[in-house]
Amino acid sequence: MDRLSDRGVDFKDFEQWCYDMGMAFSRMLMGTVLQDIDDRILKERDKRVYEARDIRQISIKTLMGEVEMSRRLYRETGGNRDYKAICAVM
């Protein structure tokens, strides 16, 4: 059986590569799940109360690093002109 050192790979570098790949995958997964939740909010919101008005790029700092995604903003129908994000609890 080949050892990592026989192929010129340092274990510490290999370990760091595995960690970096795991963090990158976790950020991608979190971004996908959050985007799906935002899409579900768009479909399931009370359309009489909340009107979709804008989409903004946001960046969320997590333990795995920054996760970037698009987030919809809503305006209360008949309300003021303030935009707000609607949050969902998973």
C-alpha atoms as a PDB file:
ATOM      1  CA  MET A   1       0.000   0.000   0.000  1.00  0.00           C
ATOM      2  CA  ASP A   2       1.349   3.419  -0.989  1.00  0.00           C
ATOM      3  CA  ARG A   3       1.919   5.915   1.744  1.00  0.00           C
ATOM      4  CA  LEU A   4       1.335   9.614   1.206  1.00  0.00           C
ATOM      5  CA  SER A   5       5.033  10.322   1.763  1.00  0.00           C
ATOM      6  CA  ASP A   6       5.925   7.824  -0.998  1.00  0.00           C
ATOM      7  CA  ARG A   7       3.987  10.014  -3.444  1.00  0.00           C
ATOM      8  CA  GLY A   8       5.570  13.256  -2.244  1.00  0.00           C
ATOM      9  CA  VAL A   9       2.497  14.427  -0.340  1.00  0.00           C
ATOM     10  CA  ASP A  10       2.953  15.819   3.141  1.00  0.00           C
ATOM     11  CA  PHE A  11       0.235  14.657   5.549  1.00  0.00           C
ATOM     12  CA  LYS A  12      -0.209  18.157   6.964  1.00  0.00           C
ATOM     13  CA  ASP A  13      -0.824  19.554   3.444  1.00  0.00           C
ATOM     14  CA  PHE A  14      -3.238  16.706   2.707  1.00  0.00           C
ATOM     15  CA  GLU A  15      -5.076  17.345   5.967  1.00  0.00           C
ATOM     16  CA  GLN A  16      -5.341  21.075   5.159  1.00  0.00           C
ATOM     17  CA  TRP A  17      -6.616  20.299   1.656  1.00  0.00           C
ATOM     18  CA  CYS A  18      -9.317  17.998   3.098  1.00  0.00           C
ATOM     19  CA  TYR A  19     -10.335  20.686   5.593  1.00  0.00           C
ATOM     20  CA  ASP A  20     -10.491  23.395   2.895  1.00  0.00           C
ATOM     21  CA  MET A  21     -12.574  21.167   0.604  1.00  0.00           C
ATOM     22  CA  GLY A  22     -14.937  20.320   3.478  1.00  0.00           C
ATOM     23  CA  MET A  23     -15.429  23.999   4.329  1.00  0.00           C
ATOM     24  CA  ALA A  24     -16.005  24.912   0.666  1.00  0.00           C
ATOM     25  CA  PHE A  25     -18.605  22.154   0.325  1.00  0.00           C
ATOM     26  CA  SER A  26     -20.315  23.234   3.555  1.00  0.00           C
ATOM     27  CA  ARG A  27     -20.505  26.875   2.374  1.00  0.00           C
ATOM     28  CA  MET A  28     -21.973  25.769  -0.938  1.00  0.00           C
ATOM     29  CA  LEU A  29     -24.508  23.529   0.800  1.00  0.00           C
ATOM     30  CA  MET A  30     -25.540  26.255   3.243  1.00  0.00           C
ATOM     31  CA  GLY A  31     -25.956  28.773   0.397  1.00  0.00           C
ATOM     32  CA  THR A  32     -28.124  26.312  -1.553  1.00  0.00           C
ATOM     33  CA  VAL A  33     -30.342  25.561   1.454  1.00  0.00           C
ATOM     34  CA  LEU A  34     -30.757  29.254   2.301  1.00  0.00           C
ATOM     35  CA  GLN A  35     -31.614  30.047  -1.325  1.00  0.00           C
ATOM     36  CA  ASP A  36     -34.233  27.278  -1.313  1.00  0.00           C
ATOM     37  CA  ILE A  37     -35.754  28.720   1.871  1.00  0.00           C
ATOM     38  CA  ASP A  38     -35.885  32.171   0.274  1.00  0.00           C
ATOM     39  CA  ASP A  39     -37.608  30.688  -2.795  1.00  0.00           C
ATOM     40  CA  ARG A  40     -40.114  28.895  -0.555  1.00  0.00           C
ATOM     41  CA  ILE A  41     -40.872  32.139   1.293  1.00  0.00           C
ATOM     42  CA  LEU A  42     -41.600  33.793  -2.063  1.00  0.00           C
ATOM     43  CA  LYS A  43     -44.118  31.086  -2.934  1.00  0.00           C
ATOM     44  CA  GLU A  44     -45.725  30.671   0.487  1.00  0.00           C
ATOM     45  CA  ARG A  45     -45.846  34.262   1.778  1.00  0.00           C
ATOM     46  CA  ASP A  46     -49.158  36.049   2.353  1.00  0.00           C
ATOM     47  CA  LYS A  47     -49.312  37.853  -0.998  1.00  0.00           C
ATOM     48  CA  ARG A  48     -51.994  40.195   0.344  1.00  0.00           C
ATOM     49  CA  VAL A  49     -49.542  41.481   2.953  1.00  0.00           C
ATOM     50  CA  TYR A  50     -46.056  41.155   1.409  1.00  0.00           C
ATOM     51  CA  GLU A  51     -45.078  42.279  -2.078  1.00  0.00           C
ATOM     52  CA  ALA A  52     -41.706  41.145  -3.465  1.00  0.00           C
ATOM     53  CA  ARG A  53     -39.831  44.297  -4.417  1.00  0.00           C
ATOM     54  CA  ASP A  54     -36.111  43.748  -4.744  1.00  0.00           C
ATOM     55  CA  ILE A  55     -33.298  41.195  -4.673  1.00  0.00           C
ATOM     56  CA  ARG A  56     -30.023  41.971  -2.922  1.00  0.00           C
ATOM     57  CA  GLN A  57     -26.734  40.119  -2.754  1.00  0.00           C
ATOM     58  CA  ILE A  58     -25.804  39.405   0.848  1.00  0.00           C
ATOM     59  CA  SER A  59     -22.842  37.790   2.539  1.00  0.00           C
ATOM     60  CA  ILE A  60     -23.271  35.854   5.787  1.00  0.00           C
ATOM     61  CA  LYS A  61     -20.290  35.179   8.027  1.00  0.00           C
ATOM     62  CA  THR A  62     -20.421  31.597   9.297  1.00  0.00           C
ATOM     63  CA  LEU A  63     -18.086  29.194  11.068  1.00  0.00           C
ATOM     64  CA  MET A  64     -17.246  27.807   7.622  1.00  0.00           C
ATOM     65  CA  GLY A  65     -16.475  31.205   6.099  1.00  0.00           C
ATOM     66  CA  GLU A  66     -18.581  33.691   4.169  1.00  0.00           C
ATOM     67  CA  VAL A  67     -21.671  32.427   2.369  1.00  0.00           C
ATOM     68  CA  GLU A  68     -22.990  34.612  -0.441  1.00  0.00           C
ATOM     69  CA  MET A  69     -26.546  34.485  -1.724  1.00  0.00           C
ATOM     70  CA  SER A  70     -29.366  36.528  -3.235  1.00  0.00           C
ATOM     71  CA  ARG A  71     -32.047  37.603  -0.769  1.00  0.00           C
ATOM     72  CA  ARG A  72     -35.485  38.943  -1.621  1.00  0.00           C
ATOM     73  CA  LEU A  73     -36.814  42.038   0.077  1.00  0.00           C
ATOM     74  CA  TYR A  74     -40.521  42.662   0.574  1.00  0.00           C
ATOM     75  CA  ARG A  75     -42.750  45.662   1.144  1.00  0.00           C
ATOM     76  CA  GLU A  76     -45.897  45.526   3.170  1.00  0.00           C
ATOM     77  CA  THR A  77     -48.806  46.120   0.818  1.00  0.00           C
ATOM     78  CA  GLY A  78     -50.437  49.451   1.622  1.00  0.00           C
ATOM     79  CA  GLY A  79     -47.726  50.119   4.199  1.00  0.00           C
ATOM     80  CA  ASN A  80     -44.726  52.383   4.233  1.00  0.00           C
ATOM     81  CA  ARG A  81     -41.967  52.233   1.674  1.00  0.00           C
ATOM     82  CA  ASP A  82     -39.540  50.390   3.928  1.00  0.00           C
ATOM     83  CA  TYR A  83     -38.162  47.146   2.558  1.00  0.00           C
ATOM     84  CA  LYS A  84     -37.604  44.163   4.801  1.00  0.00           C
ATOM     85  CA  ALA A  85     -36.491  40.609   4.591  1.00  0.00           C
ATOM     86  CA  ILE A  86     -38.924  37.941   5.750  1.00  0.00           C
ATOM     87  CA  CYS A  87     -37.227  35.317   7.879  1.00  0.00           C
ATOM     88  CA  ALA A  88     -38.204  31.686   8.240  1.00  0.00           C
ATOM     89  CA  VAL A  89     -37.416  29.383  11.100  1.00  0.00           C
ATOM     90  CA  MET A  90     -36.191  25.967  10.038  1.00  0.00           C
END
